[in-house]
Amino acid sequence: MATWRIMTVSDIQGVLRVAGKVHPDLPESDTIFIERVKLFQEGSLVLVENDEVCGYVISHPIRNRQPPVLDSLLGEIPLDADQYYIHDLAILPEMRGQGLTVVCMDKILAIGNRYPTACLVSVYGTTAFWRRFGFVAGLVDEAMAGKLRGYGEDAVYLERQNTS
């Protein structure tokens, strides 16, 4: 049975394997994943079945409406962070349809509820999927539009009001 657990640096090769299958057009280096785990391990989870990584989520606090550029290092989590960012959620196709995403999002949004809002960049036409979790299109200014271009032509900036 597949379960979610905190990601460790030793999981990164499995994470890269999943990312390569789910996001082949949006590659990120291992240093990105390693940094996220080291900076905010609480928001980094892996889905594991039979000791094999089958999915992952990377999330962390940011300053309001300042998601990172794709494949860029953060350096640090800002002390004045006031928004929660879901950087990536990826599950292998053969693991989908089992309710595993809902379990993951419950865990991640519980962390995100410490902040007034959460945000993400939707890719590959997944906006309707994210709406199920309360995300709606956010304001896109020139700076945000520039960041979105790095995520592909169909990238959409989404936000949600948190409940806590």
N, C-alpha and C. Protein backbone atom coordinates (compact mmCIF):
# COMPACT_ATOMS: atom_id res chain seq x y z
N MET A 1 0.84 -1.19 0.00
CA MET A 1 0.00 0.00 0.00
C MET A 1 0.88 1.24 0.00
N ALA A 2 0.57 2.17 -0.87
CA ALA A 2 1.35 3.40 -0.98
C ALA A 2 1.03 4.34 0.17
N THR A 3 2.07 4.99 0.69
CA THR A 3 1.91 5.95 1.79
C THR A 3 2.79 7.17 1.55
N TRP A 4 2.34 8.29 2.11
CA TRP A 4 3.12 9.53 2.07
C TRP A 4 3.99 9.61 3.31
N ARG A 5 5.23 10.07 3.13
CA ARG A 5 6.13 10.33 4.25
C ARG A 5 7.02 11.51 3.91
N ILE A 6 7.70 12.03 4.92
CA ILE A 6 8.63 13.15 4.73
C ILE A 6 9.75 12.71 3.78
N MET A 7 10.09 13.58 2.85
CA MET A 7 11.16 13.33 1.90
C MET A 7 12.51 13.54 2.57
N THR A 8 13.49 12.74 2.18
CA THR A 8 14.87 12.93 2.61
C THR A 8 15.73 13.10 1.36
N VAL A 9 16.94 13.55 1.56
CA VAL A 9 17.86 13.73 0.44
C VAL A 9 18.09 12.40 -0.28
N SER A 10 18.04 11.29 0.45
CA SER A 10 18.25 9.99 -0.19
C SER A 10 17.10 9.61 -1.13
N ASP A 11 15.98 10.32 -1.09
CA ASP A 11 14.86 10.07 -1.99
C ASP A 11 14.98 10.80 -3.33
N ILE A 12 15.94 11.69 -3.46
CA ILE A 12 15.99 12.60 -4.61
C ILE A 12 16.09 11.87 -5.95
N GLN A 13 16.86 10.80 -6.04
CA GLN A 13 16.95 10.08 -7.32
C GLN A 13 15.58 9.52 -7.73
N GLY A 14 14.82 9.01 -6.78
CA GLY A 14 13.47 8.54 -7.07
C GLY A 14 12.56 9.68 -7.48
N VAL A 15 12.71 10.82 -6.82
CA VAL A 15 11.92 12.01 -7.16
C VAL A 15 12.24 12.45 -8.59
N LEU A 16 13.51 12.48 -8.95
CA LEU A 16 13.90 12.87 -10.30
C LEU A 16 13.34 11.90 -11.35
N ARG A 17 13.28 10.63 -11.02
CA ARG A 17 12.71 9.64 -11.92
C ARG A 17 11.23 9.94 -12.17
N VAL A 18 10.49 10.21 -11.08
CA VAL A 18 9.06 10.54 -11.21
C VAL A 18 8.90 11.85 -11.99
N ALA A 19 9.69 12.85 -11.64
CA ALA A 19 9.60 14.15 -12.33
C ALA A 19 9.86 14.00 -13.81
N GLY A 20 10.83 13.16 -14.18
CA GLY A 20 11.14 12.95 -15.59
C GLY A 20 10.00 12.33 -16.36
N LYS A 21 9.21 11.49 -15.69
CA LYS A 21 8.06 10.85 -16.34
C LYS A 21 6.84 11.76 -16.38
N VAL A 22 6.62 12.51 -15.30
CA VAL A 22 5.41 13.33 -15.19
C VAL A 22 5.60 14.72 -15.82
N HIS A 23 6.80 15.28 -15.68
CA HIS A 23 7.09 16.63 -16.19
C HIS A 23 8.27 16.63 -17.14
N PRO A 24 8.23 15.87 -18.23
CA PRO A 24 9.40 15.80 -19.10
C PRO A 24 9.80 17.13 -19.74
N ASP A 25 8.84 18.03 -19.90
CA ASP A 25 9.12 19.32 -20.53
C ASP A 25 9.49 20.41 -19.53
N LEU A 26 9.50 20.08 -18.23
CA LEU A 26 9.80 21.06 -17.19
C LEU A 26 10.88 20.52 -16.25
N PRO A 27 12.04 20.21 -16.78
CA PRO A 27 13.07 19.59 -15.93
C PRO A 27 13.64 20.55 -14.90
N GLU A 28 13.96 19.99 -13.74
CA GLU A 28 14.65 20.73 -12.69
C GLU A 28 15.80 19.87 -12.21
N SER A 29 16.87 20.51 -11.80
CA SER A 29 18.07 19.77 -11.37
C SER A 29 17.89 19.21 -9.97
N ASP A 30 18.71 18.23 -9.65
CA ASP A 30 18.65 17.63 -8.32
C ASP A 30 18.94 18.65 -7.23
N THR A 31 19.74 19.67 -7.55
CA THR A 31 20.07 20.68 -6.52
C THR A 31 18.82 21.44 -6.06
N ILE A 32 17.84 21.59 -6.93
CA ILE A 32 16.59 22.26 -6.55
C ILE A 32 15.88 21.44 -5.49
N PHE A 33 15.72 20.14 -5.74
CA PHE A 33 15.02 19.27 -4.80
C PHE A 33 15.79 19.14 -3.48
N ILE A 34 17.10 19.01 -3.57
CA ILE A 34 17.92 18.90 -2.36
C ILE A 34 17.77 20.16 -1.51
N GLU A 35 17.83 21.33 -2.16
CA GLU A 35 17.69 22.57 -1.41
C GLU A 35 16.33 22.68 -0.73
N ARG A 36 15.26 22.32 -1.45
CA ARG A 36 13.91 22.43 -0.87
C ARG A 36 13.78 21.53 0.36
N VAL A 37 14.31 20.31 0.26
CA VAL A 37 14.26 19.39 1.40
C VAL A 37 15.03 19.97 2.59
N LYS A 38 16.18 20.54 2.33
CA LYS A 38 17.00 21.09 3.41
C LYS A 38 16.38 22.35 4.01
N LEU A 39 15.75 23.18 3.17
CA LEU A 39 15.18 24.43 3.67
C LEU A 39 13.84 24.26 4.37
N PHE A 40 13.01 23.32 3.86
CA PHE A 40 11.66 23.17 4.42
C PHE A 40 11.20 21.73 4.25
N GLN A 41 11.83 20.85 4.98
CA GLN A 41 11.55 19.42 4.86
C GLN A 41 10.09 19.09 5.16
N GLU A 42 9.50 19.82 6.06
CA GLU A 42 8.10 19.58 6.44
C GLU A 42 7.16 19.62 5.23
N GLY A 43 7.48 20.43 4.24
CA GLY A 43 6.63 20.56 3.07
C GLY A 43 7.04 19.69 1.89
N SER A 44 7.98 18.78 2.13
CA SER A 44 8.48 17.89 1.08
C SER A 44 8.12 16.45 1.44
N LEU A 45 7.24 15.86 0.66
CA LEU A 45 6.78 14.50 0.93
C LEU A 45 7.02 13.61 -0.28
N VAL A 46 7.18 12.32 -0.03
CA VAL A 46 7.24 11.34 -1.11
C VAL A 46 6.15 10.31 -0.90
N LEU A 47 5.61 9.83 -2.01
CA LEU A 47 4.68 8.72 -2.01
C LEU A 47 5.51 7.48 -2.29
N VAL A 48 5.44 6.52 -1.38
CA VAL A 48 6.29 5.33 -1.48
C VAL A 48 5.43 4.08 -1.46
N GLU A 49 5.76 3.17 -2.37
CA GLU A 49 5.15 1.85 -2.37
C GLU A 49 6.26 0.84 -2.63
N ASN A 50 6.34 -0.17 -1.77
CA ASN A 50 7.40 -1.18 -1.88
C ASN A 50 8.79 -0.55 -1.96
N ASP A 51 9.03 0.45 -1.11
CA ASP A 51 10.32 1.15 -1.03
C ASP A 51 10.68 1.91 -2.30
N GLU A 52 9.72 2.15 -3.18
CA GLU A 52 9.99 2.89 -4.41
C GLU A 52 9.18 4.19 -4.41
N VAL A 53 9.83 5.30 -4.78
CA VAL A 53 9.15 6.58 -4.87
C VAL A 53 8.22 6.56 -6.08
N CYS A 54 6.94 6.83 -5.83
CA CYS A 54 5.90 6.82 -6.87
C CYS A 54 5.29 8.20 -7.06
N GLY A 55 5.67 9.15 -6.21
CA GLY A 55 5.14 10.50 -6.29
C GLY A 55 5.83 11.38 -5.28
N TYR A 56 5.59 12.67 -5.41
CA TYR A 56 6.19 13.61 -4.46
C TYR A 56 5.43 14.93 -4.49
N VAL A 57 5.64 15.71 -3.45
CA VAL A 57 5.18 17.09 -3.41
C VAL A 57 6.29 17.92 -2.77
N ILE A 58 6.50 19.09 -3.32
CA ILE A 58 7.45 20.06 -2.78
C ILE A 58 6.64 21.33 -2.52
N SER A 59 6.73 21.86 -1.31
CA SER A 59 6.01 23.08 -0.97
C SER A 59 6.78 23.82 0.12
N HIS A 60 6.56 25.13 0.18
CA HIS A 60 7.29 25.94 1.16
C HIS A 60 6.70 27.35 1.21
N PRO A 61 7.00 28.07 2.28
CA PRO A 61 6.55 29.45 2.38
C PRO A 61 7.33 30.37 1.43
N ILE A 62 6.65 31.41 0.96
CA ILE A 62 7.25 32.45 0.12
C ILE A 62 6.68 33.80 0.54
N ARG A 63 7.24 34.86 -0.02
CA ARG A 63 6.61 36.17 0.11
C ARG A 63 5.42 36.20 -0.84
N ASN A 64 4.39 36.94 -0.46
CA ASN A 64 3.15 37.00 -1.22
C ASN A 64 3.39 37.27 -2.71
N ARG A 65 2.84 36.35 -3.52
CA ARG A 65 2.87 36.46 -4.98
C ARG A 65 4.28 36.51 -5.56
N GLN A 66 5.22 35.81 -4.90
CA GLN A 66 6.58 35.76 -5.42
C GLN A 66 7.08 34.32 -5.55
N PRO A 67 6.39 33.52 -6.35
CA PRO A 67 6.87 32.15 -6.55
C PRO A 67 8.21 32.17 -7.26
N PRO A 68 9.02 31.16 -7.03
CA PRO A 68 10.33 31.14 -7.69
C PRO A 68 10.22 30.84 -9.18
N VAL A 69 11.22 31.27 -9.90
CA VAL A 69 11.35 30.90 -11.30
C VAL A 69 11.65 29.41 -11.33
N LEU A 70 11.15 28.71 -12.33
CA LEU A 70 11.39 27.29 -12.46
C LEU A 70 12.89 27.00 -12.48
N ASP A 71 13.28 25.93 -11.80
CA ASP A 71 14.67 25.46 -11.74
C ASP A 71 15.62 26.51 -11.17
N SER A 72 15.15 27.23 -10.14
CA SER A 72 16.01 28.23 -9.49
C SER A 72 16.09 27.95 -7.99
N LEU A 73 17.26 28.19 -7.44
CA LEU A 73 17.47 28.01 -6.01
C LEU A 73 16.81 29.15 -5.23
N LEU A 74 16.36 28.84 -4.03
CA LEU A 74 15.75 29.86 -3.16
C LEU A 74 16.79 30.60 -2.33
N GLY A 75 17.79 29.88 -1.86
CA GLY A 75 18.77 30.46 -0.95
C GLY A 75 18.33 30.34 0.49
N GLU A 76 17.09 30.74 0.75
CA GLU A 76 16.53 30.66 2.10
C GLU A 76 15.01 30.82 2.02
N ILE A 77 14.36 30.45 3.10
CA ILE A 77 12.93 30.74 3.26
C ILE A 77 12.87 32.12 3.92
N PRO A 78 12.21 33.10 3.30
CA PRO A 78 12.18 34.44 3.88
C PRO A 78 11.52 34.44 5.27
N LEU A 79 12.12 35.16 6.18
CA LEU A 79 11.55 35.26 7.53
C LEU A 79 10.19 35.93 7.50
N ASP A 80 9.96 36.79 6.52
CA ASP A 80 8.68 37.49 6.41
C ASP A 80 7.74 36.82 5.41
N ALA A 81 7.96 35.53 5.14
CA ALA A 81 7.08 34.79 4.23
C ALA A 81 5.63 34.89 4.72
N ASP A 82 4.72 35.16 3.79
CA ASP A 82 3.32 35.33 4.16
C ASP A 82 2.36 34.61 3.21
N GLN A 83 2.90 33.66 2.45
CA GLN A 83 2.07 32.86 1.54
C GLN A 83 2.71 31.48 1.44
N TYR A 84 1.89 30.46 1.19
CA TYR A 84 2.41 29.11 1.06
C TYR A 84 2.39 28.72 -0.41
N TYR A 85 3.49 28.17 -0.90
CA TYR A 85 3.64 27.86 -2.30
C TYR A 85 3.77 26.35 -2.50
N ILE A 86 2.93 25.80 -3.35
CA ILE A 86 3.02 24.40 -3.74
C ILE A 86 3.82 24.38 -5.04
N HIS A 87 5.07 24.03 -4.92
CA HIS A 87 5.99 24.07 -6.06
C HIS A 87 5.68 22.98 -7.06
N ASP A 88 5.38 21.79 -6.57
CA ASP A 88 5.16 20.68 -7.49
C ASP A 88 4.48 19.54 -6.77
N LEU A 89 3.55 18.92 -7.44
CA LEU A 89 2.91 17.68 -7.00
C LEU A 89 2.90 16.77 -8.21
N ALA A 90 3.53 15.60 -8.07
CA ALA A 90 3.61 14.67 -9.20
C ALA A 90 3.41 13.25 -8.69
N ILE A 91 2.53 12.53 -9.36
CA ILE A 91 2.26 11.13 -9.03
C ILE A 91 2.30 10.34 -10.34
N LEU A 92 3.00 9.21 -10.33
CA LEU A 92 3.06 8.38 -11.53
C LEU A 92 1.65 8.01 -11.99
N PRO A 93 1.42 7.98 -13.29
CA PRO A 93 0.07 7.70 -13.81
C PRO A 93 -0.55 6.42 -13.26
N GLU A 94 0.24 5.38 -13.07
CA GLU A 94 -0.32 4.12 -12.58
C GLU A 94 -0.77 4.18 -11.12
N MET A 95 -0.40 5.24 -10.40
CA MET A 95 -0.79 5.39 -9.00
C MET A 95 -2.00 6.32 -8.83
N ARG A 96 -2.45 6.92 -9.90
CA ARG A 96 -3.55 7.89 -9.82
C ARG A 96 -4.89 7.18 -9.66
N GLY A 97 -5.88 7.91 -9.18
CA GLY A 97 -7.23 7.38 -9.05
C GLY A 97 -7.46 6.58 -7.78
N GLN A 98 -6.54 6.66 -6.83
CA GLN A 98 -6.65 5.91 -5.57
C GLN A 98 -6.89 6.82 -4.36
N GLY A 99 -7.12 8.10 -4.60
CA GLY A 99 -7.34 9.03 -3.49
C GLY A 99 -6.05 9.50 -2.83
N LEU A 100 -4.91 9.17 -3.41
CA LEU A 100 -3.62 9.52 -2.81
C LEU A 100 -3.35 11.03 -2.85
N THR A 101 -3.86 11.69 -3.87
CA THR A 101 -3.68 13.14 -3.97
C THR A 101 -4.42 13.85 -2.84
N VAL A 102 -5.61 13.41 -2.53
CA VAL A 102 -6.39 14.03 -1.45
C VAL A 102 -5.66 13.89 -0.12
N VAL A 103 -5.09 12.74 0.14
CA VAL A 103 -4.32 12.53 1.38
C VAL A 103 -3.14 13.50 1.42
N CYS A 104 -2.42 13.62 0.30
CA CYS A 104 -1.29 14.53 0.21
C CYS A 104 -1.73 15.97 0.43
N MET A 105 -2.77 16.39 -0.26
CA MET A 105 -3.22 17.78 -0.15
C MET A 105 -3.72 18.10 1.25
N ASP A 106 -4.35 17.16 1.92
CA ASP A 106 -4.75 17.38 3.31
C ASP A 106 -3.54 17.71 4.16
N LYS A 107 -2.45 16.97 3.97
CA LYS A 107 -1.23 17.21 4.73
C LYS A 107 -0.61 18.56 4.38
N ILE A 108 -0.52 18.85 3.10
CA ILE A 108 0.14 20.09 2.65
C ILE A 108 -0.70 21.31 3.01
N LEU A 109 -2.00 21.24 2.82
CA LEU A 109 -2.84 22.40 3.14
C LEU A 109 -2.92 22.64 4.65
N ALA A 110 -2.74 21.60 5.45
CA ALA A 110 -2.67 21.81 6.90
C ALA A 110 -1.47 22.68 7.26
N ILE A 111 -0.37 22.48 6.56
CA ILE A 111 0.81 23.34 6.75
C ILE A 111 0.52 24.72 6.17
N GLY A 112 -0.02 24.75 4.96
CA GLY A 112 -0.31 26.00 4.29
C GLY A 112 -1.30 26.88 5.02
N ASN A 113 -2.16 26.28 5.83
CA ASN A 113 -3.16 27.07 6.57
C ASN A 113 -2.54 27.98 7.61
N ARG A 114 -1.26 27.88 7.84
CA ARG A 114 -0.57 28.82 8.74
C ARG A 114 -0.43 30.20 8.09
N TYR A 115 -0.69 30.26 6.80
CA TYR A 115 -0.55 31.49 6.03
C TYR A 115 -1.91 31.89 5.48
N PRO A 116 -2.13 33.17 5.22
CA PRO A 116 -3.45 33.61 4.74
C PRO A 116 -3.85 32.98 3.41
N THR A 117 -2.88 32.76 2.53
CA THR A 117 -3.17 32.21 1.22
C THR A 117 -2.13 31.17 0.83
N ALA A 118 -2.49 30.36 -0.15
CA ALA A 118 -1.56 29.42 -0.78
C ALA A 118 -1.61 29.70 -2.27
N CYS A 119 -0.55 29.33 -2.97
CA CYS A 119 -0.52 29.55 -4.41
C CYS A 119 0.27 28.44 -5.10
N LEU A 120 0.16 28.43 -6.42
CA LEU A 120 0.90 27.47 -7.23
C LEU A 120 0.83 27.91 -8.68
N VAL A 121 1.63 27.27 -9.50
CA VAL A 121 1.56 27.47 -10.95
C VAL A 121 1.05 26.17 -11.54
N SER A 122 -0.12 26.24 -12.13
CA SER A 122 -0.75 25.08 -12.77
C SER A 122 -0.17 24.91 -14.17
N VAL A 123 0.22 23.68 -14.50
CA VAL A 123 0.77 23.37 -15.82
C VAL A 123 0.01 22.18 -16.42
N TYR A 124 0.19 21.98 -17.71
CA TYR A 124 -0.40 20.85 -18.42
C TYR A 124 -1.93 20.81 -18.31
N GLY A 125 -2.55 21.99 -18.24
CA GLY A 125 -4.02 22.03 -18.23
C GLY A 125 -4.66 21.48 -16.97
N THR A 126 -4.00 21.60 -15.82
CA THR A 126 -4.51 21.02 -14.57
C THR A 126 -5.31 21.99 -13.71
N THR A 127 -5.69 23.13 -14.25
CA THR A 127 -6.42 24.13 -13.46
C THR A 127 -7.69 23.55 -12.85
N ALA A 128 -8.46 22.78 -13.60
CA ALA A 128 -9.69 22.19 -13.06
C ALA A 128 -9.39 21.26 -11.89
N PHE A 129 -8.31 20.52 -11.95
CA PHE A 129 -7.90 19.67 -10.83
C PHE A 129 -7.68 20.53 -9.57
N TRP A 130 -6.95 21.62 -9.71
CA TRP A 130 -6.63 22.46 -8.54
C TRP A 130 -7.86 23.18 -7.99
N ARG A 131 -8.85 23.44 -8.83
CA ARG A 131 -10.09 24.07 -8.35
C ARG A 131 -10.76 23.22 -7.27
N ARG A 132 -10.60 21.90 -7.35
CA ARG A 132 -11.19 21.02 -6.34
C ARG A 132 -10.65 21.32 -4.94
N PHE A 133 -9.49 21.93 -4.88
CA PHE A 133 -8.87 22.27 -3.59
C PHE A 133 -9.00 23.75 -3.27
N GLY A 134 -9.85 24.45 -4.00
CA GLY A 134 -10.13 25.85 -3.71
C GLY A 134 -9.25 26.86 -4.40
N PHE A 135 -8.43 26.44 -5.35
CA PHE A 135 -7.55 27.37 -6.07
C PHE A 135 -8.29 28.01 -7.24
N VAL A 136 -8.08 29.31 -7.40
CA VAL A 136 -8.67 30.07 -8.50
C VAL A 136 -7.58 30.94 -9.11
N ALA A 137 -7.84 31.43 -10.32
CA ALA A 137 -6.86 32.26 -11.02
C ALA A 137 -6.52 33.48 -10.17
N GLY A 138 -5.23 33.77 -10.07
CA GLY A 138 -4.75 34.93 -9.33
C GLY A 138 -4.35 36.04 -10.28
N LEU A 139 -4.13 37.21 -9.73
CA LEU A 139 -3.73 38.38 -10.51
C LEU A 139 -2.36 38.14 -11.13
N VAL A 140 -2.23 38.43 -12.41
CA VAL A 140 -0.97 38.25 -13.12
C VAL A 140 -0.50 39.61 -13.65
N ASP A 141 0.54 40.13 -13.02
CA ASP A 141 1.15 41.37 -13.50
C ASP A 141 2.32 41.01 -14.42
N GLU A 142 3.09 42.01 -14.86
CA GLU A 142 4.19 41.74 -15.79
C GLU A 142 5.24 40.81 -15.19
N ALA A 143 5.58 41.03 -13.93
CA ALA A 143 6.59 40.18 -13.28
C ALA A 143 6.12 38.73 -13.22
N MET A 144 4.87 38.52 -12.85
CA MET A 144 4.33 37.17 -12.77
C MET A 144 4.25 36.55 -14.16
N ALA A 145 3.85 37.32 -15.15
CA ALA A 145 3.77 36.81 -16.52
C ALA A 145 5.14 36.32 -16.99
N GLY A 146 6.19 37.03 -16.63
CA GLY A 146 7.54 36.61 -16.98
C GLY A 146 7.91 35.29 -16.35
N LYS A 147 7.56 35.10 -15.08
CA LYS A 147 7.84 33.83 -14.41
C LYS A 147 7.04 32.70 -15.04
N LEU A 148 5.79 32.96 -15.36
CA LEU A 148 4.91 31.93 -15.93
C LEU A 148 5.43 31.42 -17.27
N ARG A 149 6.05 32.28 -18.06
CA ARG A 149 6.58 31.85 -19.36
C ARG A 149 7.56 30.70 -19.20
N GLY A 150 8.32 30.69 -18.11
CA GLY A 150 9.28 29.62 -17.87
C GLY A 150 8.63 28.28 -17.56
N TYR A 151 7.34 28.29 -17.23
CA TYR A 151 6.61 27.07 -16.90
C TYR A 151 5.84 26.52 -18.10
N GLY A 152 5.93 27.17 -19.25
CA GLY A 152 5.24 26.69 -20.44
C GLY A 152 4.07 27.59 -20.81
N GLU A 153 3.62 27.42 -22.05
CA GLU A 153 2.57 28.29 -22.60
C GLU A 153 1.24 28.19 -21.86
N ASP A 154 0.94 27.04 -21.26
CA ASP A 154 -0.36 26.87 -20.60
C ASP A 154 -0.31 27.13 -19.10
N ALA A 155 0.79 27.67 -18.59
CA ALA A 155 0.94 27.91 -17.15
C ALA A 155 -0.07 28.96 -16.66
N VAL A 156 -0.67 28.68 -15.50
CA VAL A 156 -1.66 29.57 -14.90
C VAL A 156 -1.32 29.74 -13.43
N TYR A 157 -1.26 30.99 -12.97
CA TYR A 157 -1.01 31.27 -11.55
C TYR A 157 -2.33 31.15 -10.81
N LEU A 158 -2.35 30.32 -9.75
CA LEU A 158 -3.55 30.09 -8.95
C LEU A 158 -3.30 30.41 -7.49
N GLU A 159 -4.35 30.86 -6.81
CA GLU A 159 -4.29 31.14 -5.37
C GLU A 159 -5.52 30.58 -4.68
N ARG A 160 -5.42 30.42 -3.37
CA ARG A 160 -6.59 30.03 -2.56
C ARG A 160 -6.49 30.75 -1.24
N GLN A 161 -7.65 31.10 -0.70
CA GLN A 161 -7.73 31.63 0.64
C GLN A 161 -7.68 30.45 1.61
N ASN A 162 -6.84 30.53 2.61
CA ASN A 162 -6.75 29.45 3.59
C ASN A 162 -7.77 29.63 4.70
N THR A 163 -8.00 28.58 5.44
CA THR A 163 -9.11 28.57 6.39
C THR A 163 -8.76 28.85 7.82
N SER A 164 -7.49 28.91 8.16
CA SER A 164 -7.19 29.06 9.59
C SER A 164 -7.08 30.45 10.05
